[in-house]
mmCIF file of all heavy atoms, coordinates in Angstrom:
data_MODEL
# 
_entry.id   MODEL 
# 
loop_
_atom_site.group_PDB 
_atom_site.id 
_atom_site.type_symbol 
_atom_site.label_atom_id 
_atom_site.label_alt_id 
_atom_site.label_comp_id 
_atom_site.label_asym_id 
_atom_site.label_entity_id 
_atom_site.label_seq_id 
_atom_site.pdbx_PDB_ins_code 
_atom_site.Cartn_x 
_atom_site.Cartn_y 
_atom_site.Cartn_z 
_atom_site.occupancy 
_atom_site.B_iso_or_equiv 
_atom_site.pdbx_formal_charge 
_atom_site.auth_seq_id 
_atom_site.auth_comp_id 
_atom_site.auth_asym_id 
_atom_site.auth_atom_id 
_atom_site.pdbx_PDB_model_num 
ATOM 1   N N   . LYS A 1 1  ? 25.121 -27.566 -42.158 1.00 0.00 ? 1  LYS A N   1 
ATOM 2   C CA  . LYS A 1 1  ? 24.775 -26.623 -41.101 1.00 0.00 ? 1  LYS A CA  1 
ATOM 3   C C   . LYS A 1 1  ? 25.406 -27.114 -39.798 1.00 0.00 ? 1  LYS A C   1 
ATOM 4   O O   . LYS A 1 1  ? 25.319 -28.305 -39.475 1.00 0.00 ? 1  LYS A O   1 
ATOM 5   C CB  . LYS A 1 1  ? 23.260 -26.501 -40.940 1.00 0.00 ? 1  LYS A CB  1 
ATOM 6   C CG  . LYS A 1 1  ? 22.549 -25.968 -42.170 1.00 0.00 ? 1  LYS A CG  1 
ATOM 7   C CD  . LYS A 1 1  ? 22.971 -24.536 -42.488 1.00 0.00 ? 1  LYS A CD  1 
ATOM 8   C CE  . LYS A 1 1  ? 22.195 -23.993 -43.686 1.00 0.00 ? 1  LYS A CE  1 
ATOM 9   N NZ  . LYS A 1 1  ? 22.564 -22.602 -43.997 1.00 0.00 ? 1  LYS A NZ  1 
ATOM 10  N N   . PRO A 1 2  ? 26.051 -26.232 -39.028 1.00 0.00 ? 2  PRO A N   1 
ATOM 11  C CA  . PRO A 1 2  ? 26.760 -26.669 -37.819 1.00 0.00 ? 2  PRO A CA  1 
ATOM 12  C C   . PRO A 1 2  ? 25.808 -27.234 -36.765 1.00 0.00 ? 2  PRO A C   1 
ATOM 13  O O   . PRO A 1 2  ? 24.645 -26.843 -36.685 1.00 0.00 ? 2  PRO A O   1 
ATOM 14  C CB  . PRO A 1 2  ? 27.444 -25.388 -37.320 1.00 0.00 ? 2  PRO A CB  1 
ATOM 15  C CG  . PRO A 1 2  ? 26.628 -24.280 -37.895 1.00 0.00 ? 2  PRO A CG  1 
ATOM 16  C CD  . PRO A 1 2  ? 26.138 -24.781 -39.225 1.00 0.00 ? 2  PRO A CD  1 
ATOM 17  N N   . VAL A 1 3  ? 26.336 -28.150 -35.970 1.00 0.00 ? 3  VAL A N   1 
ATOM 18  C CA  . VAL A 1 3  ? 25.567 -28.742 -34.888 1.00 0.00 ? 3  VAL A CA  1 
ATOM 19  C C   . VAL A 1 3  ? 26.397 -28.683 -33.607 1.00 0.00 ? 3  VAL A C   1 
ATOM 20  O O   . VAL A 1 3  ? 27.611 -28.917 -33.623 1.00 0.00 ? 3  VAL A O   1 
ATOM 21  C CB  . VAL A 1 3  ? 25.138 -30.199 -35.213 1.00 0.00 ? 3  VAL A CB  1 
ATOM 22  C CG1 . VAL A 1 3  ? 26.354 -31.070 -35.519 1.00 0.00 ? 3  VAL A CG1 1 
ATOM 23  C CG2 . VAL A 1 3  ? 24.350 -30.803 -34.058 1.00 0.00 ? 3  VAL A CG2 1 
ATOM 24  N N   . ILE A 1 4  ? 25.732 -28.339 -32.511 1.00 0.00 ? 4  ILE A N   1 
ATOM 25  C CA  . ILE A 1 4  ? 26.369 -28.211 -31.206 1.00 0.00 ? 4  ILE A CA  1 
ATOM 26  C C   . ILE A 1 4  ? 25.737 -29.227 -30.263 1.00 0.00 ? 4  ILE A C   1 
ATOM 27  O O   . ILE A 1 4  ? 24.503 -29.309 -30.178 1.00 0.00 ? 4  ILE A O   1 
ATOM 28  C CB  . ILE A 1 4  ? 26.177 -26.783 -30.650 1.00 0.00 ? 4  ILE A CB  1 
ATOM 29  C CG1 . ILE A 1 4  ? 26.833 -25.767 -31.594 1.00 0.00 ? 4  ILE A CG1 1 
ATOM 30  C CG2 . ILE A 1 4  ? 26.740 -26.653 -29.237 1.00 0.00 ? 4  ILE A CG2 1 
ATOM 31  C CD1 . ILE A 1 4  ? 26.375 -24.355 -31.361 1.00 0.00 ? 4  ILE A CD1 1 
ATOM 32  N N   . ILE A 1 5  ? 26.549 -30.010 -29.570 1.00 0.00 ? 5  ILE A N   1 
ATOM 33  C CA  . ILE A 1 5  ? 25.985 -31.024 -28.670 1.00 0.00 ? 5  ILE A CA  1 
ATOM 34  C C   . ILE A 1 5  ? 26.558 -30.870 -27.263 1.00 0.00 ? 5  ILE A C   1 
ATOM 35  O O   . ILE A 1 5  ? 27.690 -30.430 -27.062 1.00 0.00 ? 5  ILE A O   1 
ATOM 36  C CB  . ILE A 1 5  ? 26.224 -32.459 -29.189 1.00 0.00 ? 5  ILE A CB  1 
ATOM 37  C CG1 . ILE A 1 5  ? 27.715 -32.830 -29.210 1.00 0.00 ? 5  ILE A CG1 1 
ATOM 38  C CG2 . ILE A 1 5  ? 25.614 -32.631 -30.568 1.00 0.00 ? 5  ILE A CG2 1 
ATOM 39  C CD1 . ILE A 1 5  ? 27.958 -34.300 -29.532 1.00 0.00 ? 5  ILE A CD1 1 
ATOM 40  N N   . GLY A 1 6  ? 25.726 -31.250 -26.304 1.00 0.00 ? 6  GLY A N   1 
ATOM 41  C CA  . GLY A 1 6  ? 26.114 -31.182 -24.908 1.00 0.00 ? 6  GLY A CA  1 
ATOM 42  C C   . GLY A 1 6  ? 26.706 -32.486 -24.415 1.00 0.00 ? 6  GLY A C   1 
ATOM 43  O O   . GLY A 1 6  ? 27.265 -33.272 -25.183 1.00 0.00 ? 6  GLY A O   1 
ATOM 44  N N   . GLN A 1 7  ? 26.555 -32.726 -23.118 1.00 0.00 ? 7  GLN A N   1 
ATOM 45  C CA  . GLN A 1 7  ? 27.101 -33.938 -22.505 1.00 0.00 ? 7  GLN A CA  1 
ATOM 46  C C   . GLN A 1 7  ? 26.161 -35.113 -22.783 1.00 0.00 ? 7  GLN A C   1 
ATOM 47  O O   . GLN A 1 7  ? 25.262 -35.406 -22.001 1.00 0.00 ? 7  GLN A O   1 
ATOM 48  C CB  . GLN A 1 7  ? 27.271 -33.732 -20.999 1.00 0.00 ? 7  GLN A CB  1 
ATOM 49  C CG  . GLN A 1 7  ? 28.361 -32.719 -20.662 1.00 0.00 ? 7  GLN A CG  1 
ATOM 50  C CD  . GLN A 1 7  ? 28.451 -32.460 -19.170 1.00 0.00 ? 7  GLN A CD  1 
ATOM 51  O OE1 . GLN A 1 7  ? 27.454 -32.198 -18.510 1.00 0.00 ? 7  GLN A OE1 1 
ATOM 52  N NE2 . GLN A 1 7  ? 29.652 -32.540 -18.621 1.00 0.00 ? 7  GLN A NE2 1 
ATOM 53  N N   . LEU A 1 8  ? 26.388 -35.792 -23.885 1.00 0.00 ? 8  LEU A N   1 
ATOM 54  C CA  . LEU A 1 8  ? 25.539 -36.901 -24.295 1.00 0.00 ? 8  LEU A CA  1 
ATOM 55  C C   . LEU A 1 8  ? 26.177 -38.227 -23.898 1.00 0.00 ? 8  LEU A C   1 
ATOM 56  O O   . LEU A 1 8  ? 27.402 -38.334 -23.800 1.00 0.00 ? 8  LEU A O   1 
ATOM 57  C CB  . LEU A 1 8  ? 25.328 -36.888 -25.817 1.00 0.00 ? 8  LEU A CB  1 
ATOM 58  C CG  . LEU A 1 8  ? 24.840 -35.594 -26.472 1.00 0.00 ? 8  LEU A CG  1 
ATOM 59  C CD1 . LEU A 1 8  ? 24.550 -35.857 -27.950 1.00 0.00 ? 8  LEU A CD1 1 
ATOM 60  C CD2 . LEU A 1 8  ? 23.629 -35.042 -25.774 1.00 0.00 ? 8  LEU A CD2 1 
ATOM 61  N N   . PRO A 1 9  ? 25.361 -39.264 -23.698 1.00 0.00 ? 9  PRO A N   1 
ATOM 62  C CA  . PRO A 1 9  ? 25.918 -40.606 -23.502 1.00 0.00 ? 9  PRO A CA  1 
ATOM 63  C C   . PRO A 1 9  ? 26.773 -41.009 -24.704 1.00 0.00 ? 9  PRO A C   1 
ATOM 64  O O   . PRO A 1 9  ? 26.521 -40.561 -25.830 1.00 0.00 ? 9  PRO A O   1 
ATOM 65  C CB  . PRO A 1 9  ? 24.668 -41.488 -23.396 1.00 0.00 ? 9  PRO A CB  1 
ATOM 66  C CG  . PRO A 1 9  ? 23.565 -40.568 -22.998 1.00 0.00 ? 9  PRO A CG  1 
ATOM 67  C CD  . PRO A 1 9  ? 23.889 -39.249 -23.627 1.00 0.00 ? 9  PRO A CD  1 
ATOM 68  N N   . ILE A 1 10 ? 27.765 -41.848 -24.463 1.00 0.00 ? 10 ILE A N   1 
ATOM 69  C CA  . ILE A 1 10 ? 28.700 -42.247 -25.525 1.00 0.00 ? 10 ILE A CA  1 
ATOM 70  C C   . ILE A 1 10 ? 27.969 -42.820 -26.731 1.00 0.00 ? 10 ILE A C   1 
ATOM 71  O O   . ILE A 1 10 ? 28.292 -42.504 -27.884 1.00 0.00 ? 10 ILE A O   1 
ATOM 72  C CB  . ILE A 1 10 ? 29.721 -43.269 -24.980 1.00 0.00 ? 10 ILE A CB  1 
ATOM 73  C CG1 . ILE A 1 10 ? 30.628 -42.599 -23.948 1.00 0.00 ? 10 ILE A CG1 1 
ATOM 74  C CG2 . ILE A 1 10 ? 30.570 -43.839 -26.121 1.00 0.00 ? 10 ILE A CG2 1 
ATOM 75  C CD1 . ILE A 1 10 ? 31.585 -43.551 -23.253 1.00 0.00 ? 10 ILE A CD1 1 
ATOM 76  N N   . ASP A 1 11 ? 26.962 -43.654 -26.477 1.00 0.00 ? 11 ASP A N   1 
ATOM 77  C CA  . ASP A 1 11 ? 26.204 -44.250 -27.584 1.00 0.00 ? 11 ASP A CA  1 
ATOM 78  C C   . ASP A 1 11 ? 25.512 -43.187 -28.426 1.00 0.00 ? 11 ASP A C   1 
ATOM 79  O O   . ASP A 1 11 ? 25.414 -43.315 -29.656 1.00 0.00 ? 11 ASP A O   1 
ATOM 80  C CB  . ASP A 1 11 ? 25.170 -45.244 -27.045 1.00 0.00 ? 11 ASP A CB  1 
ATOM 81  C CG  . ASP A 1 11 ? 25.811 -46.474 -26.422 1.00 0.00 ? 11 ASP A CG  1 
ATOM 82  O OD1 . ASP A 1 11 ? 26.999 -46.713 -26.709 1.00 0.00 ? 11 ASP A OD1 1 
ATOM 83  O OD2 . ASP A 1 11 ? 25.132 -47.176 -25.650 1.00 0.00 ? 11 ASP A OD2 1 
ATOM 84  N N   . ALA A 1 12 ? 25.043 -42.129 -27.772 1.00 0.00 ? 12 ALA A N   1 
ATOM 85  C CA  . ALA A 1 12 ? 24.373 -41.051 -28.500 1.00 0.00 ? 12 ALA A CA  1 
ATOM 86  C C   . ALA A 1 12 ? 25.379 -40.240 -29.303 1.00 0.00 ? 12 ALA A C   1 
ATOM 87  O O   . ALA A 1 12 ? 25.104 -39.844 -30.446 1.00 0.00 ? 12 ALA A O   1 
ATOM 88  C CB  . ALA A 1 12 ? 23.622 -40.150 -27.521 1.00 0.00 ? 12 ALA A CB  1 
ATOM 89  N N   . VAL A 1 13 ? 26.551 -39.980 -28.718 1.00 0.00 ? 13 VAL A N   1 
ATOM 90  C CA  . VAL A 1 13 ? 27.585 -39.215 -29.419 1.00 0.00 ? 13 VAL A CA  1 
ATOM 91  C C   . VAL A 1 13 ? 27.974 -39.917 -30.722 1.00 0.00 ? 13 VAL A C   1 
ATOM 92  O O   . VAL A 1 13 ? 28.131 -39.279 -31.771 1.00 0.00 ? 13 VAL A O   1 
ATOM 93  C CB  . VAL A 1 13 ? 28.829 -39.025 -28.526 1.00 0.00 ? 13 VAL A CB  1 
ATOM 94  C CG1 . VAL A 1 13 ? 29.975 -38.397 -29.327 1.00 0.00 ? 13 VAL A CG1 1 
ATOM 95  C CG2 . VAL A 1 13 ? 28.488 -38.145 -27.331 1.00 0.00 ? 13 VAL A CG2 1 
ATOM 96  N N   . THR A 1 14 ? 28.099 -41.228 -30.665 1.00 0.00 ? 14 THR A N   1 
ATOM 97  C CA  . THR A 1 14 ? 28.457 -41.999 -31.861 1.00 0.00 ? 14 THR A CA  1 
ATOM 98  C C   . THR A 1 14 ? 27.441 -41.798 -32.972 1.00 0.00 ? 14 THR A C   1 
ATOM 99  O O   . THR A 1 14 ? 27.800 -41.551 -34.131 1.00 0.00 ? 14 THR A O   1 
ATOM 100 C CB  . THR A 1 14 ? 28.556 -43.502 -31.519 1.00 0.00 ? 14 THR A CB  1 
ATOM 101 O OG1 . THR A 1 14 ? 29.550 -43.684 -30.506 1.00 0.00 ? 14 THR A OG1 1 
ATOM 102 C CG2 . THR A 1 14 ? 28.934 -44.318 -32.743 1.00 0.00 ? 14 THR A CG2 1 
ATOM 103 N N   . VAL A 1 15 ? 26.151 -41.868 -32.620 1.00 0.00 ? 15 VAL A N   1 
ATOM 104 C CA  . VAL A 1 15 ? 25.086 -41.691 -33.607 1.00 0.00 ? 15 VAL A CA  1 
ATOM 105 C C   . VAL A 1 15 ? 25.120 -40.280 -34.197 1.00 0.00 ? 15 VAL A C   1 
ATOM 106 O O   . VAL A 1 15 ? 25.021 -40.092 -35.421 1.00 0.00 ? 15 VAL A O   1 
ATOM 107 C CB  . VAL A 1 15 ? 23.704 -41.971 -32.970 1.00 0.00 ? 15 VAL A CB  1 
ATOM 108 C CG1 . VAL A 1 15 ? 22.571 -41.592 -33.931 1.00 0.00 ? 15 VAL A CG1 1 
ATOM 109 C CG2 . VAL A 1 15 ? 23.589 -43.431 -32.563 1.00 0.00 ? 15 VAL A CG2 1 
ATOM 110 N N   . VAL A 1 16 ? 25.275 -39.277 -33.329 1.00 0.00 ? 16 VAL A N   1 
ATOM 111 C CA  . VAL A 1 16 ? 25.268 -37.884 -33.780 1.00 0.00 ? 16 VAL A CA  1 
ATOM 112 C C   . VAL A 1 16 ? 26.476 -37.603 -34.670 1.00 0.00 ? 16 VAL A C   1 
ATOM 113 O O   . VAL A 1 16 ? 26.361 -36.920 -35.698 1.00 0.00 ? 16 VAL A O   1 
ATOM 114 C CB  . VAL A 1 16 ? 25.241 -36.930 -32.568 1.00 0.00 ? 16 VAL A CB  1 
ATOM 115 C CG1 . VAL A 1 16 ? 25.434 -35.486 -33.021 1.00 0.00 ? 16 VAL A CG1 1 
ATOM 116 C CG2 . VAL A 1 16 ? 23.922 -37.070 -31.813 1.00 0.00 ? 16 VAL A CG2 1 
ATOM 117 N N   . LYS A 1 17 ? 27.642 -38.116 -34.295 1.00 0.00 ? 17 LYS A N   1 
ATOM 118 C CA  . LYS A 1 17 ? 28.844 -37.898 -35.116 1.00 0.00 ? 17 LYS A CA  1 
ATOM 119 C C   . LYS A 1 17 ? 28.682 -38.509 -36.508 1.00 0.00 ? 17 LYS A C   1 
ATOM 120 O O   . LYS A 1 17 ? 29.085 -37.909 -37.513 1.00 0.00 ? 17 LYS A O   1 
ATOM 121 C CB  . LYS A 1 17 ? 30.069 -38.475 -34.412 1.00 0.00 ? 17 LYS A CB  1 
ATOM 122 C CG  . LYS A 1 17 ? 30.569 -37.618 -33.254 1.00 0.00 ? 17 LYS A CG  1 
ATOM 123 C CD  . LYS A 1 17 ? 31.862 -38.157 -32.671 1.00 0.00 ? 17 LYS A CD  1 
ATOM 124 C CE  . LYS A 1 17 ? 32.424 -37.197 -31.616 1.00 0.00 ? 17 LYS A CE  1 
ATOM 125 N NZ  . LYS A 1 17 ? 33.692 -37.690 -31.040 1.00 0.00 ? 17 LYS A NZ  1 
ATOM 126 N N   . GLU A 1 18 ? 28.082 -39.696 -36.569 1.00 0.00 ? 18 GLU A N   1 
ATOM 127 C CA  . GLU A 1 18 ? 27.855 -40.333 -37.866 1.00 0.00 ? 18 GLU A CA  1 
ATOM 128 C C   . GLU A 1 18 ? 26.927 -39.492 -38.731 1.00 0.00 ? 18 GLU A C   1 
ATOM 129 O O   . GLU A 1 18 ? 27.151 -39.323 -39.933 1.00 0.00 ? 18 GLU A O   1 
ATOM 130 C CB  . GLU A 1 18 ? 27.266 -41.735 -37.659 1.00 0.00 ? 18 GLU A CB  1 
ATOM 131 C CG  . GLU A 1 18 ? 28.259 -42.746 -37.101 1.00 0.00 ? 18 GLU A CG  1 
ATOM 132 C CD  . GLU A 1 18 ? 27.619 -44.079 -36.797 1.00 0.00 ? 18 GLU A CD  1 
ATOM 133 O OE1 . GLU A 1 18 ? 26.366 -44.184 -36.895 1.00 0.00 ? 18 GLU A OE1 1 
ATOM 134 O OE2 . GLU A 1 18 ? 28.345 -45.028 -36.439 1.00 0.00 ? 18 GLU A OE2 1 
ATOM 135 N N   . LYS A 1 19 ? 25.887 -38.938 -38.106 1.00 0.00 ? 19 LYS A N   1 
ATOM 136 C CA  . LYS A 1 19 ? 24.942 -38.096 -38.846 1.00 0.00 ? 19 LYS A CA  1 
ATOM 137 C C   . LYS A 1 19 ? 25.608 -36.801 -39.308 1.00 0.00 ? 19 LYS A C   1 
ATOM 138 O O   . LYS A 1 19 ? 25.374 -36.331 -40.437 1.00 0.00 ? 19 LYS A O   1 
ATOM 139 C CB  . LYS A 1 19 ? 23.732 -37.771 -37.960 1.00 0.00 ? 19 LYS A CB  1 
ATOM 140 C CG  . LYS A 1 19 ? 22.662 -36.920 -38.626 1.00 0.00 ? 19 LYS A CG  1 
ATOM 141 C CD  . LYS A 1 19 ? 21.974 -37.637 -39.769 1.00 0.00 ? 19 LYS A CD  1 
ATOM 142 C CE  . LYS A 1 19 ? 20.787 -36.832 -40.274 1.00 0.00 ? 19 LYS A CE  1 
ATOM 143 N NZ  . LYS A 1 19 ? 20.119 -37.466 -41.432 1.00 0.00 ? 19 LYS A NZ  1 
ATOM 144 N N   . ALA A 1 20 ? 26.460 -36.233 -38.472 1.00 0.00 ? 20 ALA A N   1 
ATOM 145 C CA  . ALA A 1 20 ? 27.156 -35.000 -38.838 1.00 0.00 ? 20 ALA A CA  1 
ATOM 146 C C   . ALA A 1 20 ? 28.087 -35.233 -40.029 1.00 0.00 ? 20 ALA A C   1 
ATOM 147 O O   . ALA A 1 20 ? 28.170 -34.402 -40.942 1.00 0.00 ? 20 ALA A O   1 
ATOM 148 C CB  . ALA A 1 20 ? 27.942 -34.470 -37.643 1.00 0.00 ? 20 ALA A CB  1 
ATOM 149 N N   . VAL A 1 21 ? 28.769 -36.375 -40.036 1.00 0.00 ? 21 VAL A N   1 
ATOM 150 C CA  . VAL A 1 21 ? 29.635 -36.714 -41.170 1.00 0.00 ? 21 VAL A CA  1 
ATOM 151 C C   . VAL A 1 21 ? 28.801 -36.888 -42.428 1.00 0.00 ? 21 VAL A C   1 
ATOM 152 O O   . VAL A 1 21 ? 29.145 -36.395 -43.512 1.00 0.00 ? 21 VAL A O   1 
ATOM 153 C CB  . VAL A 1 21 ? 30.432 -38.007 -40.870 1.00 0.00 ? 21 VAL A CB  1 
ATOM 154 C CG1 . VAL A 1 21 ? 31.139 -38.505 -42.127 1.00 0.00 ? 21 VAL A CG1 1 
ATOM 155 C CG2 . VAL A 1 21 ? 31.447 -37.760 -39.763 1.00 0.00 ? 21 VAL A CG2 1 
ATOM 156 N N   . GLU A 1 22 ? 27.667 -37.582 -42.280 1.00 0.00 ? 22 GLU A N   1 
ATOM 157 C CA  . GLU A 1 22 ? 26.779 -37.829 -43.422 1.00 0.00 ? 22 GLU A CA  1 
ATOM 158 C C   . GLU A 1 22 ? 26.276 -36.519 -44.024 1.00 0.00 ? 22 GLU A C   1 
ATOM 159 O O   . GLU A 1 22 ? 26.170 -36.382 -45.248 1.00 0.00 ? 22 GLU A O   1 
ATOM 160 C CB  . GLU A 1 22 ? 25.595 -38.684 -42.956 1.00 0.00 ? 22 GLU A CB  1 
ATOM 161 C CG  . GLU A 1 22 ? 24.560 -38.987 -44.014 1.00 0.00 ? 22 GLU A CG  1 
ATOM 162 C CD  . GLU A 1 22 ? 23.352 -39.717 -43.431 1.00 0.00 ? 22 GLU A CD  1 
ATOM 163 O OE1 . GLU A 1 22 ? 23.537 -40.524 -42.490 1.00 0.00 ? 22 GLU A OE1 1 
ATOM 164 O OE2 . GLU A 1 22 ? 22.234 -39.476 -43.918 1.00 0.00 ? 22 GLU A OE2 1 
ATOM 165 N N   . GLU A 1 23 ? 25.974 -35.549 -43.163 1.00 0.00 ? 23 GLU A N   1 
ATOM 166 C CA  . GLU A 1 23 ? 25.432 -34.273 -43.631 1.00 0.00 ? 23 GLU A CA  1 
ATOM 167 C C   . GLU A 1 23 ? 26.520 -33.229 -43.888 1.00 0.00 ? 23 GLU A C   1 
ATOM 168 O O   . GLU A 1 23 ? 26.201 -32.080 -44.223 1.00 0.00 ? 23 GLU A O   1 
ATOM 169 C CB  . GLU A 1 23 ? 24.439 -33.720 -42.599 1.00 0.00 ? 23 GLU A CB  1 
ATOM 170 C CG  . GLU A 1 23 ? 23.202 -34.583 -42.382 1.00 0.00 ? 23 GLU A CG  1 
ATOM 171 C CD  . GLU A 1 23 ? 22.303 -34.653 -43.600 1.00 0.00 ? 23 GLU A CD  1 
ATOM 172 O OE1 . GLU A 1 23 ? 22.403 -33.756 -44.472 1.00 0.00 ? 23 GLU A OE1 1 
ATOM 173 O OE2 . GLU A 1 23 ? 21.509 -35.611 -43.695 1.00 0.00 ? 23 GLU A OE2 1 
ATOM 174 N N   . GLN A 1 24 ? 27.790 -33.626 -43.705 1.00 0.00 ? 24 GLN A N   1 
ATOM 175 C CA  . GLN A 1 24 ? 28.919 -32.709 -43.882 1.00 0.00 ? 24 GLN A CA  1 
ATOM 176 C C   . GLN A 1 24 ? 28.762 -31.463 -43.011 1.00 0.00 ? 24 GLN A C   1 
ATOM 177 O O   . GLN A 1 24 ? 29.014 -30.325 -43.422 1.00 0.00 ? 24 GLN A O   1 
ATOM 178 C CB  . GLN A 1 24 ? 29.075 -32.317 -45.357 1.00 0.00 ? 24 GLN A CB  1 
ATOM 179 C CG  . GLN A 1 24 ? 29.335 -33.492 -46.279 1.00 0.00 ? 24 GLN A CG  1 
ATOM 180 C CD  . GLN A 1 24 ? 29.474 -33.086 -47.739 1.00 0.00 ? 24 GLN A CD  1 
ATOM 181 O OE1 . GLN A 1 24 ? 30.060 -32.043 -48.047 1.00 0.00 ? 24 GLN A OE1 1 
ATOM 182 N NE2 . GLN A 1 24 ? 28.927 -33.895 -48.639 1.00 0.00 ? 24 GLN A NE2 1 
ATOM 183 N N   . SER A 1 25 ? 28.318 -31.706 -41.782 1.00 0.00 ? 25 SER A N   1 
ATOM 184 C CA  . SER A 1 25 ? 28.061 -30.625 -40.842 1.00 0.00 ? 25 SER A CA  1 
ATOM 185 C C   . SER A 1 25 ? 29.202 -30.503 -39.834 1.00 0.00 ? 25 SER A C   1 
ATOM 186 O O   . SER A 1 25 ? 29.669 -31.512 -39.289 1.00 0.00 ? 25 SER A O   1 
ATOM 187 C CB  . SER A 1 25 ? 26.752 -30.885 -40.079 1.00 0.00 ? 25 SER A CB  1 
ATOM 188 O OG  . SER A 1 25 ? 25.656 -30.971 -40.962 1.00 0.00 ? 25 SER A OG  1 
# 
């Protein structure tokens, strides 16, 4: 399922990107 993110801190972006890859989102 697609995910949309705003202006997040770099550390947060890293975590979210890893989760998106894991979920194939």
